[in-house]
Amino acid sequence: FFRALFHVPWTSLAVKRGVRIDGLLCSSLLPPMSGVEVEVCVDSLESALSAAAGGATRLELCGDLSVGGTTPSVGLVTTVLAALSEAQRLVEVFVMIRCRPGDFAYTAGEVQVMVEDVRQLKNLAVTGFVAGALTPTGEVDEPVMRKLLEASWPLPVAFHRAFDMSRNLPEALERLVALGVPRVLSSGGHRTATEGMAVLLELQRLSTGRLVVMAGSGVTAANVQAIVTQTSVRAVHLSARVRVPSTMVYRNLRCSMGSSAEGFDEFAKFVASEEAVRAVVVALQGIPTASGQISP
């Protein structure tokens, strides 16, 4: 039932439902020139606008990327959607659903929090959601994913890098296909996508025509061509973040308002760089498309 339910073509569904960003059709109707989707994870309005201006196909909108991303506030989602509309940026916005940092084995209460977040955020003009849940033994938690898929319907739910923490990646991929998940983010179970290219190639082979494998973790303009050509993936994920110093002049260094972890700097923030995103988009030009043609 769920496989049939969630294998609806999302582009045609978007047209039927009129999924828009304040009047703008979602960019799934406009494939990227290179034939490779570029998704940028962002956790602020500034980053969202920079990534969109740099040519991102899709935004993964999160809260607090310093811990890998959590569910963003309704205020951030609403403001980003309005700003993208005002700037006339045609870009998909998938919202992270993750109630806390840490592992991906959730209690019943945490699952209910995430289901409610989906229900509330679905009322906004988002394109879809990003989520992931594992059992304590490292398998895809199918009952939890079904609840999130049900709550999100008719919007799609992509599976995030919880996938890379699963016990058996090919088996996890088959479970996601059976659930009808349209896309999974992966580094091939390694620290970075470049280190996991051999695994990503195999996952791409196993998933072709059934699910989109998106390569992520450590993707830059310097390595994106190699990742795409050596794994055959047609979607990449990056943060493209740069450090921006705080504007605070007075700084009380005797106390801390957040993490006490070594190297954590409360007087700086990290934002997506428009130039870094554009460099990835430019690097992808000239790579053969899925049809074998060279993009302009």
C-alpha atoms as a PDB file:
ATOM      1  CA  PHE A   1       0.000   0.000   0.000  1.00  0.00           C
ATOM      2  CA  PHE A   2       2.670   2.503   1.050  1.00  0.00           C
ATOM      3  CA  ARG A   3       4.861   1.765  -1.937  1.00  0.00           C
ATOM      4  CA  ALA A   4       1.995   2.520  -4.295  1.00  0.00           C
ATOM      5  CA  LEU A   5       0.878   5.507  -2.241  1.00  0.00           C
ATOM      6  CA  PHE A   6       4.245   7.239  -2.173  1.00  0.00           C
ATOM      7  CA  HIS A   7       5.436   6.416  -5.679  1.00  0.00           C
ATOM      8  CA  VAL A   8       3.251   9.153  -7.165  1.00  0.00           C
ATOM      9  CA  PRO A   9       5.221  11.403  -9.581  1.00  0.00           C
ATOM     10  CA  TRP A  10       5.846  14.450  -7.378  1.00  0.00           C
ATOM     11  CA  THR A  11       6.150  16.882 -10.278  1.00  0.00           C
ATOM     12  CA  SER A  12       2.694  16.088 -11.637  1.00  0.00           C
ATOM     13  CA  LEU A  13       1.317  16.071  -8.111  1.00  0.00           C
ATOM     14  CA  ALA A  14       2.789  19.554  -7.545  1.00  0.00           C
ATOM     15  CA  VAL A  15       0.972  20.783 -10.647  1.00  0.00           C
ATOM     16  CA  LYS A  16      -2.322  19.256  -9.523  1.00  0.00           C
ATOM     17  CA  ARG A  17      -2.053  20.729  -6.049  1.00  0.00           C
ATOM     18  CA  GLY A  18      -0.557  24.019  -7.245  1.00  0.00           C
ATOM     19  CA  VAL A  19       2.455  23.667  -4.945  1.00  0.00           C
ATOM     20  CA  ARG A  20       4.057  27.078  -5.166  1.00  0.00           C
ATOM     21  CA  ILE A  21       6.219  29.484  -3.232  1.00  0.00           C
ATOM     22  CA  ASP A  22       3.794  32.387  -3.004  1.00  0.00           C
ATOM     23  CA  GLY A  23       2.785  31.988  -6.645  1.00  0.00           C
ATOM     24  CA  LEU A  24       6.011  30.503  -8.018  1.00  0.00           C
ATOM     25  CA  LEU A  25       5.877  26.927  -9.300  1.00  0.00           C
ATOM     26  CA  CYS A  26       8.352  24.667  -7.537  1.00  0.00           C
ATOM     27  CA  SER A  27      11.594  24.167  -9.444  1.00  0.00           C
ATOM     28  CA  SER A  28      11.062  20.428  -9.929  1.00  0.00           C
ATOM     29  CA  LEU A  29       9.410  21.591 -13.164  1.00  0.00           C
ATOM     30  CA  LEU A  30      12.682  23.170 -14.290  1.00  0.00           C
ATOM     31  CA  PRO A  31      15.586  20.673 -14.327  1.00  0.00           C
ATOM     32  CA  PRO A  32      19.079  22.098 -13.746  1.00  0.00           C
ATOM     33  CA  MET A  33      21.128  22.896 -16.861  1.00  0.00           C
ATOM     34  CA  SER A  34      23.796  20.333 -15.939  1.00  0.00           C
ATOM     35  CA  GLY A  35      21.256  17.578 -15.341  1.00  0.00           C
ATOM     36  CA  VAL A  36      22.608  17.326 -11.768  1.00  0.00           C
ATOM     37  CA  GLU A  37      20.522  18.668  -8.900  1.00  0.00           C
ATOM     38  CA  VAL A  38      22.340  20.866  -6.386  1.00  0.00           C
ATOM     39  CA  GLU A  39      20.849  20.841  -2.893  1.00  0.00           C
ATOM     40  CA  VAL A  40      22.211  23.197  -0.226  1.00  0.00           C
ATOM     41  CA  CYS A  41      21.492  22.753   3.477  1.00  0.00           C
ATOM     42  CA  VAL A  42      20.833  26.073   5.215  1.00  0.00           C
ATOM     43  CA  ASP A  43      19.822  27.165   8.700  1.00  0.00           C
ATOM     44  CA  SER A  44      19.234  30.903   8.299  1.00  0.00           C
ATOM     45  CA  LEU A  45      17.499  33.405   6.063  1.00  0.00           C
ATOM     46  CA  GLU A  46      20.857  34.773   4.915  1.00  0.00           C
ATOM     47  CA  SER A  47      22.079  31.314   3.912  1.00  0.00           C
ATOM     48  CA  ALA A  48      18.838  30.488   2.105  1.00  0.00           C
ATOM     49  CA  LEU A  49      18.995  33.603  -0.049  1.00  0.00           C
ATOM     50  CA  SER A  50      22.703  33.144  -0.778  1.00  0.00           C
ATOM     51  CA  ALA A  51      22.252  29.511  -1.808  1.00  0.00           C
ATOM     52  CA  ALA A  52      19.297  30.353  -4.048  1.00  0.00           C
ATOM     53  CA  ALA A  53      21.218  33.228  -5.658  1.00  0.00           C
ATOM     54  CA  GLY A  54      24.137  30.867  -6.274  1.00  0.00           C
ATOM     55  CA  GLY A  55      21.949  28.554  -8.328  1.00  0.00           C
ATOM     56  CA  ALA A  56      20.834  25.854  -5.891  1.00  0.00           C
ATOM     57  CA  THR A  57      18.110  23.585  -7.216  1.00  0.00           C
ATOM     58  CA  ARG A  58      16.802  22.850  -3.755  1.00  0.00           C
ATOM     59  CA  LEU A  59      17.227  24.023  -0.163  1.00  0.00           C
ATOM     60  CA  GLU A  60      17.227  21.701   2.816  1.00  0.00           C
ATOM     61  CA  LEU A  61      15.994  24.132   5.460  1.00  0.00           C
ATOM     62  CA  CYS A  62      17.177  23.227   8.947  1.00  0.00           C
ATOM     63  CA  GLY A  63      17.710  24.579  12.390  1.00  0.00           C
ATOM     64  CA  ASP A  64      21.255  24.553  13.834  1.00  0.00           C
ATOM     65  CA  LEU A  65      23.557  22.914  11.324  1.00  0.00           C
ATOM     66  CA  SER A  66      26.296  22.882  13.974  1.00  0.00           C
ATOM     67  CA  VAL A  67      24.642  19.684  15.281  1.00  0.00           C
ATOM     68  CA  GLY A  68      23.782  18.298  11.866  1.00  0.00           C
ATOM     69  CA  GLY A  69      20.461  20.100  11.498  1.00  0.00           C
ATOM     70  CA  THR A  70      17.197  19.995  13.437  1.00  0.00           C
ATOM     71  CA  THR A  71      13.620  21.045  12.741  1.00  0.00           C
ATOM     72  CA  PRO A  72      13.579  24.786  11.952  1.00  0.00           C
ATOM     73  CA  SER A  73      11.114  27.187  13.534  1.00  0.00           C
ATOM     74  CA  VAL A  74       7.865  28.100  11.821  1.00  0.00           C
ATOM     75  CA  GLY A  75       9.165  31.676  11.799  1.00  0.00           C
ATOM     76  CA  LEU A  76      12.290  30.723   9.849  1.00  0.00           C
ATOM     77  CA  VAL A  77      10.338  28.639   7.320  1.00  0.00           C
ATOM     78  CA  THR A  78       7.733  31.349   6.783  1.00  0.00           C
ATOM     79  CA  THR A  79      10.328  34.102   6.436  1.00  0.00           C
ATOM     80  CA  VAL A  80      12.495  32.115   4.015  1.00  0.00           C
ATOM     81  CA  LEU A  81       9.535  31.271   1.774  1.00  0.00           C
ATOM     82  CA  ALA A  82       8.399  34.896   1.703  1.00  0.00           C
ATOM     83  CA  ALA A  83      11.912  36.170   0.974  1.00  0.00           C
ATOM     84  CA  LEU A  84      12.439  33.664  -1.857  1.00  0.00           C
ATOM     85  CA  SER A  85       9.156  34.763  -3.381  1.00  0.00           C
ATOM     86  CA  GLU A  86      10.069  38.442  -3.103  1.00  0.00           C
ATOM     87  CA  ALA A  87      13.459  37.762  -4.684  1.00  0.00           C
ATOM     88  CA  GLN A  88      11.749  35.670  -7.390  1.00  0.00           C
ATOM     89  CA  ARG A  89      14.014  32.715  -6.665  1.00  0.00           C
ATOM     90  CA  LEU A  90      12.555  29.511  -8.091  1.00  0.00           C
ATOM     91  CA  VAL A  91      13.827  26.831  -5.717  1.00  0.00           C
ATOM     92  CA  GLU A  92      12.439  23.826  -3.873  1.00  0.00           C
ATOM     93  CA  VAL A  93      12.349  24.016  -0.081  1.00  0.00           C
ATOM     94  CA  PHE A  94      12.492  20.730   1.824  1.00  0.00           C
ATOM     95  CA  VAL A  95      12.236  21.101   5.598  1.00  0.00           C
ATOM     96  CA  MET A  96      14.280  19.012   8.016  1.00  0.00           C
ATOM     97  CA  ILE A  97      12.248  17.058  10.560  1.00  0.00           C
ATOM     98  CA  ARG A  98      14.530  16.086  13.434  1.00  0.00           C
ATOM     99  CA  CYS A  99      13.417  16.851  16.968  1.00  0.00           C
ATOM    100  CA  ARG A 100      16.873  16.730  18.562  1.00  0.00           C
ATOM    101  CA  PRO A 101      20.578  16.224  17.859  1.00  0.00           C
ATOM    102  CA  GLY A 102      22.201  12.842  18.363  1.00  0.00           C
ATOM    103  CA  ASP A 103      21.202   9.390  17.178  1.00  0.00           C
ATOM    104  CA  PHE A 104      18.161   8.426  15.130  1.00  0.00           C
ATOM    105  CA  ALA A 105      16.432   5.966  17.476  1.00  0.00           C
ATOM    106  CA  TYR A 106      13.401   7.885  18.724  1.00  0.00           C
ATOM    107  CA  THR A 107      10.984   7.419  21.598  1.00  0.00           C
ATOM    108  CA  ALA A 108       7.226   7.384  21.004  1.00  0.00           C
ATOM    109  CA  GLY A 109       7.023  10.905  22.383  1.00  0.00           C
ATOM    110  CA  GLU A 110       9.762  12.174  20.052  1.00  0.00           C
ATOM    111  CA  VAL A 111       7.996  10.599  17.092  1.00  0.00           C
ATOM    112  CA  GLN A 112       4.792  12.388  18.027  1.00  0.00           C
ATOM    113  CA  VAL A 113       6.676  15.692  18.167  1.00  0.00           C
ATOM    114  CA  MET A 114       8.013  15.145  14.646  1.00  0.00           C
ATOM    115  CA  VAL A 115       4.624  14.079  13.288  1.00  0.00           C
ATOM    116  CA  GLU A 116       3.075  17.237  14.714  1.00  0.00           C
ATOM    117  CA  ASP A 117       5.869  19.360  13.227  1.00  0.00           C
ATOM    118  CA  VAL A 118       5.105  17.861   9.812  1.00  0.00           C
ATOM    119  CA  ARG A 119       1.394  18.559  10.192  1.00  0.00           C
ATOM    120  CA  GLN A 120       2.001  22.176  11.139  1.00  0.00           C
ATOM    121  CA  LEU A 121       4.673  22.886   8.520  1.00  0.00           C
ATOM    122  CA  LYS A 122       2.689  21.183   5.759  1.00  0.00           C
ATOM    123  CA  ASN A 123       0.289  24.128   5.927  1.00  0.00           C
ATOM    124  CA  LEU A 124       3.063  26.345   4.577  1.00  0.00           C
ATOM    125  CA  ALA A 125       4.192  26.370   0.949  1.00  0.00           C
ATOM    126  CA  VAL A 126       7.051  23.904   1.431  1.00  0.00           C
ATOM    127  CA  THR A 127       7.931  21.377  -1.261  1.00  0.00           C
ATOM    128  CA  GLY A 128       8.507  18.457   1.085  1.00  0.00           C
ATOM    129  CA  PHE A 129      10.350  17.145   4.121  1.00  0.00           C
ATOM    130  CA  VAL A 130      13.608  15.430   5.073  1.00  0.00           C
ATOM    131  CA  ALA A 131      13.606  12.879   7.884  1.00  0.00           C
ATOM    132  CA  GLY A 132      15.115   9.594   9.002  1.00  0.00           C
ATOM    133  CA  ALA A 133      14.710   7.053  11.771  1.00  0.00           C
ATOM    134  CA  LEU A 134      16.584   3.888  12.723  1.00  0.00           C
ATOM    135  CA  THR A 135      15.939   1.015  15.091  1.00  0.00           C
ATOM    136  CA  PRO A 136      18.438   0.512  17.933  1.00  0.00           C
ATOM    137  CA  THR A 137      19.926  -2.356  15.899  1.00  0.00           C
ATOM    138  CA  GLY A 138      20.615  -0.116  12.909  1.00  0.00           C
ATOM    139  CA  GLU A 139      17.785  -0.865  10.480  1.00  0.00           C
ATOM    140  CA  VAL A 140      15.416   1.655   8.900  1.00  0.00           C
ATOM    141  CA  ASP A 141      12.584   2.137  11.414  1.00  0.00           C
ATOM    142  CA  GLU A 142       9.711   1.420   9.063  1.00  0.00           C
ATOM    143  CA  PRO A 143       6.838   2.064  11.503  1.00  0.00           C
ATOM    144  CA  VAL A 144       8.222   5.519  12.343  1.00  0.00           C
ATOM    145  CA  MET A 145       8.835   6.343   8.696  1.00  0.00           C
ATOM    146  CA  ARG A 146       5.282   5.284   7.813  1.00  0.00           C
ATOM    147  CA  LYS A 147       3.921   7.697  10.400  1.00  0.00           C
ATOM    148  CA  LEU A 148       5.976  10.546   8.957  1.00  0.00           C
ATOM    149  CA  LEU A 149       5.014   9.638   5.391  1.00  0.00           C
ATOM    150  CA  GLU A 150       1.339   9.520   6.346  1.00  0.00           C
ATOM    151  CA  ALA A 151       1.556  12.896   8.081  1.00  0.00           C
ATOM    152  CA  SER A 152       3.351  14.496   5.126  1.00  0.00           C
ATOM    153  CA  TRP A 153       1.039  13.188   2.387  1.00  0.00           C
ATOM    154  CA  PRO A 154       0.777  14.398  -0.355  1.00  0.00           C
ATOM    155  CA  LEU A 155       4.211  15.988   0.064  1.00  0.00           C
ATOM    156  CA  PRO A 156       7.324  13.789  -0.343  1.00  0.00           C
ATOM    157  CA  VAL A 157       9.757  12.828   2.424  1.00  0.00           C
ATOM    158  CA  ALA A 158      13.444  12.322   1.603  1.00  0.00           C
ATOM    159  CA  PHE A 159      15.675  10.241   3.894  1.00  0.00           C
ATOM    160  CA  HIS A 160      18.690  12.034   5.372  1.00  0.00           C
ATOM    161  CA  ARG A 161      22.114  10.728   6.408  1.00  0.00           C
ATOM    162  CA  ALA A 162      20.670   8.545   9.123  1.00  0.00           C
ATOM    163  CA  PHE A 163      20.996   6.173   6.162  1.00  0.00           C
ATOM    164  CA  ASP A 164      24.793   6.237   6.548  1.00  0.00           C
ATOM    165  CA  MET A 165      24.443   5.124  10.168  1.00  0.00           C
ATOM    166  CA  SER A 166      22.441   2.027   9.240  1.00  0.00           C
ATOM    167  CA  ARG A 167      23.867  -1.478   9.576  1.00  0.00           C
ATOM    168  CA  ASN A 168      23.552  -2.527   5.923  1.00  0.00           C
ATOM    169  CA  LEU A 169      23.268   0.175   3.260  1.00  0.00           C
ATOM    170  CA  PRO A 170      21.894  -1.955   0.383  1.00  0.00           C
ATOM    171  CA  GLU A 171      19.297  -3.450   2.702  1.00  0.00           C
ATOM    172  CA  ALA A 172      18.371  -0.005   4.022  1.00  0.00           C
ATOM    173  CA  LEU A 173      18.009   1.227   0.445  1.00  0.00           C
ATOM    174  CA  GLU A 174      15.590  -1.612  -0.364  1.00  0.00           C
ATOM    175  CA  ARG A 175      13.473  -0.721   2.647  1.00  0.00           C
ATOM    176  CA  LEU A 176      13.307   2.908   1.542  1.00  0.00           C
ATOM    177  CA  VAL A 177      12.275   1.849  -1.959  1.00  0.00           C
ATOM    178  CA  ALA A 178       9.532  -0.321  -0.475  1.00  0.00           C
ATOM    179  CA  LEU A 179       8.321   2.613   1.617  1.00  0.00           C
ATOM    180  CA  GLY A 180       8.208   4.847  -1.462  1.00  0.00           C
ATOM    181  CA  VAL A 181      10.864   7.311  -0.280  1.00  0.00           C
ATOM    182  CA  PRO A 182      11.906   9.260  -3.410  1.00  0.00           C
ATOM    183  CA  ARG A 183      15.443  10.317  -2.426  1.00  0.00           C
ATOM    184  CA  VAL A 184      18.193   9.422   0.043  1.00  0.00           C
ATOM    185  CA  LEU A 185      21.223  11.489   1.064  1.00  0.00           C
ATOM    186  CA  SER A 186      24.400   9.488   1.537  1.00  0.00           C
ATOM    187  CA  SER A 187      28.168   9.664   1.740  1.00  0.00           C
ATOM    188  CA  GLY A 188      28.349   5.933   1.131  1.00  0.00           C
ATOM    189  CA  GLY A 189      28.662   5.313   4.859  1.00  0.00           C
ATOM    190  CA  HIS A 190      31.984   7.148   5.020  1.00  0.00           C
ATOM    191  CA  ARG A 191      33.058  10.466   6.503  1.00  0.00           C
ATOM    192  CA  THR A 192      32.884  12.210   3.132  1.00  0.00           C
ATOM    193  CA  ALA A 193      31.350  11.496  -0.255  1.00  0.00           C
ATOM    194  CA  THR A 194      34.790  11.264  -1.868  1.00  0.00           C
ATOM    195  CA  GLU A 195      35.799   8.546   0.580  1.00  0.00           C
ATOM    196  CA  GLY A 196      32.548   6.701  -0.080  1.00  0.00           C
ATOM    197  CA  MET A 197      32.516   6.931  -3.890  1.00  0.00           C
ATOM    198  CA  ALA A 198      32.808   3.173  -4.451  1.00  0.00           C
ATOM    199  CA  VAL A 199      29.805   2.527  -2.226  1.00  0.00           C
ATOM    200  CA  LEU A 200      27.859   5.398  -3.801  1.00  0.00           C
ATOM    201  CA  LEU A 201      28.452   3.876  -7.240  1.00  0.00           C
ATOM    202  CA  GLU A 202      26.973   0.581  -6.062  1.00  0.00           C
ATOM    203  CA  LEU A 203      24.019   2.325  -4.390  1.00  0.00           C
ATOM    204  CA  GLN A 204      23.390   4.260  -7.601  1.00  0.00           C
ATOM    205  CA  ARG A 205      23.422   0.997  -9.558  1.00  0.00           C
ATOM    206  CA  LEU A 206      20.960  -0.613  -7.152  1.00  0.00           C
ATOM    207  CA  SER A 207      18.637   2.398  -7.051  1.00  0.00           C
ATOM    208  CA  THR A 208      18.431   3.412 -10.717  1.00  0.00           C
ATOM    209  CA  GLY A 209      14.841   4.094 -11.731  1.00  0.00           C
ATOM    210  CA  ARG A 210      13.553   3.473  -8.219  1.00  0.00           C
ATOM    211  CA  LEU A 211      15.042   6.108  -5.930  1.00  0.00           C
ATOM    212  CA  VAL A 212      17.424   9.076  -6.246  1.00  0.00           C
ATOM    213  CA  VAL A 213      20.769   8.704  -4.471  1.00  0.00           C
ATOM    214  CA  MET A 214      22.141  12.136  -3.588  1.00  0.00           C
ATOM    215  CA  ALA A 215      25.837  12.377  -2.705  1.00  0.00           C
ATOM    216  CA  GLY A 216      26.672  14.580   0.249  1.00  0.00           C
ATOM    217  CA  SER A 217      29.295  15.438   2.878  1.00  0.00           C
ATOM    218  CA  GLY A 218      32.355  17.414   1.918  1.00  0.00           C
ATOM    219  CA  VAL A 219      31.121  18.274  -1.581  1.00  0.00           C
ATOM    220  CA  THR A 220      32.907  21.305  -3.069  1.00  0.00           C
ATOM    221  CA  ALA A 221      33.643  22.803  -6.474  1.00  0.00           C
ATOM    222  CA  ALA A 222      37.025  21.072  -6.341  1.00  0.00           C
ATOM    223  CA  ASN A 223      35.641  17.534  -6.087  1.00  0.00           C
ATOM    224  CA  VAL A 224      32.071  17.618  -7.411  1.00  0.00           C
ATOM    225  CA  GLN A 225      33.024  16.616 -10.964  1.00  0.00           C
ATOM    226  CA  ALA A 226      34.897  13.570  -9.718  1.00  0.00           C
ATOM    227  CA  ILE A 227      32.047  12.572  -7.407  1.00  0.00           C
ATOM    228  CA  VAL A 228      29.442  12.820 -10.150  1.00  0.00           C
ATOM    229  CA  THR A 229      31.464  11.142 -12.895  1.00  0.00           C
ATOM    230  CA  GLN A 230      32.792   8.312 -10.704  1.00  0.00           C
ATOM    231  CA  THR A 231      29.484   7.486  -8.978  1.00  0.00           C
ATOM    232  CA  SER A 232      26.945   8.360 -11.717  1.00  0.00           C
ATOM    233  CA  VAL A 233      24.759  10.208  -9.178  1.00  0.00           C
ATOM    234  CA  ARG A 234      22.578  12.981 -10.568  1.00  0.00           C
ATOM    235  CA  ALA A 235      22.171  14.939  -7.317  1.00  0.00           C
ATOM    236  CA  VAL A 236      24.643  16.438  -4.842  1.00  0.00           C
ATOM    237  CA  HIS A 237      24.249  18.020  -1.407  1.00  0.00           C
ATOM    238  CA  LEU A 238      26.485  20.600   0.247  1.00  0.00           C
ATOM    239  CA  SER A 239      26.523  23.353   2.843  1.00  0.00           C
ATOM    240  CA  ALA A 240      29.013  25.740   1.166  1.00  0.00           C
ATOM    241  CA  ARG A 241      29.398  27.539   4.485  1.00  0.00           C
ATOM    242  CA  VAL A 242      31.936  30.202   5.346  1.00  0.00           C
ATOM    243  CA  ARG A 243      32.756  31.763   8.704  1.00  0.00           C
ATOM    244  CA  VAL A 244      31.399  35.253   9.343  1.00  0.00           C
ATOM    245  CA  PRO A 245      32.765  37.088  12.415  1.00  0.00           C
ATOM    246  CA  SER A 246      30.325  38.455  14.968  1.00  0.00           C
ATOM    247  CA  THR A 247      29.461  42.152  14.899  1.00  0.00           C
ATOM    248  CA  MET A 248      29.684  42.288  18.704  1.00  0.00           C
ATOM    249  CA  VAL A 249      32.162  44.899  19.896  1.00  0.00           C
ATOM    250  CA  TYR A 250      31.893  44.176  23.609  1.00  0.00           C
ATOM    251  CA  ARG A 251      32.632  40.519  24.392  1.00  0.00           C
ATOM    252  CA  ASN A 252      32.456  38.941  27.839  1.00  0.00           C
ATOM    253  CA  LEU A 253      34.863  36.038  27.500  1.00  0.00           C
ATOM    254  CA  ARG A 254      34.437  34.903  31.108  1.00  0.00           C
ATOM    255  CA  CYS A 255      31.241  32.962  30.399  1.00  0.00           C
ATOM    256  CA  SER A 256      29.568  31.028  27.630  1.00  0.00           C
ATOM    257  CA  MET A 257      25.943  30.947  26.473  1.00  0.00           C
ATOM    258  CA  GLY A 258      26.198  27.672  24.553  1.00  0.00           C
ATOM    259  CA  SER A 259      28.589  24.852  23.853  1.00  0.00           C
ATOM    260  CA  SER A 260      31.781  24.626  25.854  1.00  0.00           C
ATOM    261  CA  ALA A 261      33.290  22.288  23.262  1.00  0.00           C
ATOM    262  CA  GLU A 262      36.855  23.053  22.273  1.00  0.00           C
ATOM    263  CA  GLY A 263      37.016  25.250  19.220  1.00  0.00           C
ATOM    264  CA  PHE A 264      33.403  26.457  19.461  1.00  0.00           C
ATOM    265  CA  ASP A 265      33.247  30.178  18.751  1.00  0.00           C
ATOM    266  CA  GLU A 266      30.199  32.079  19.982  1.00  0.00           C
ATOM    267  CA  PHE A 267      31.450  35.213  18.282  1.00  0.00           C
ATOM    268  CA  ALA A 268      31.098  33.864  14.756  1.00  0.00           C
ATOM    269  CA  LYS A 269      28.440  32.313  12.551  1.00  0.00           C
ATOM    270  CA  PHE A 270      28.560  30.141   9.469  1.00  0.00           C
ATOM    271  CA  VAL A 271      26.501  31.026   6.408  1.00  0.00           C
ATOM    272  CA  ALA A 272      26.195  29.594   2.910  1.00  0.00           C
ATOM    273  CA  SER A 273      28.384  31.367   0.388  1.00  0.00           C
ATOM    274  CA  GLU A 274      26.706  32.392  -2.857  1.00  0.00           C
ATOM    275  CA  GLU A 275      30.095  32.206  -4.576  1.00  0.00           C
ATOM    276  CA  ALA A 276      30.801  28.685  -3.272  1.00  0.00           C
ATOM    277  CA  VAL A 277      27.400  27.427  -4.434  1.00  0.00           C
ATOM    278  CA  ARG A 278      27.826  29.049  -7.837  1.00  0.00           C
ATOM    279  CA  ALA A 279      31.276  27.495  -8.169  1.00  0.00           C
ATOM    280  CA  VAL A 280      29.747  24.032  -7.730  1.00  0.00           C
ATOM    281  CA  VAL A 281      27.011  24.803 -10.257  1.00  0.00           C
ATOM    282  CA  VAL A 282      29.616  26.042 -12.757  1.00  0.00           C
ATOM    283  CA  ALA A 283      31.841  22.997 -12.142  1.00  0.00           C
ATOM    284  CA  LEU A 284      28.920  20.758 -13.070  1.00  0.00           C
ATOM    285  CA  GLN A 285      28.465  22.409 -16.461  1.00  0.00           C
ATOM    286  CA  GLY A 286      29.861  20.280 -19.237  1.00  0.00           C
ATOM    287  CA  ILE A 287      29.258  16.988 -17.405  1.00  0.00           C
ATOM    288  CA  PRO A 288      27.147  14.678 -19.592  1.00  0.00           C
ATOM    289  CA  THR A 289      23.461  14.649 -18.667  1.00  0.00           C
ATOM    290  CA  ALA A 290      21.508  11.459 -18.054  1.00  0.00           C
ATOM    291  CA  SER A 291      20.726  11.378 -21.792  1.00  0.00           C
ATOM    292  CA  GLY A 292      24.424  11.524 -22.635  1.00  0.00           C
ATOM    293  CA  GLN A 293      24.315  15.065 -23.984  1.00  0.00           C
ATOM    294  CA  ILE A 294      26.700  17.779 -22.848  1.00  0.00           C
ATOM    295  CA  SER A 295      25.022  20.680 -21.095  1.00  0.00           C
ATOM    296  CA  PRO A 296      25.815  24.175 -22.363  1.00  0.00           C
END
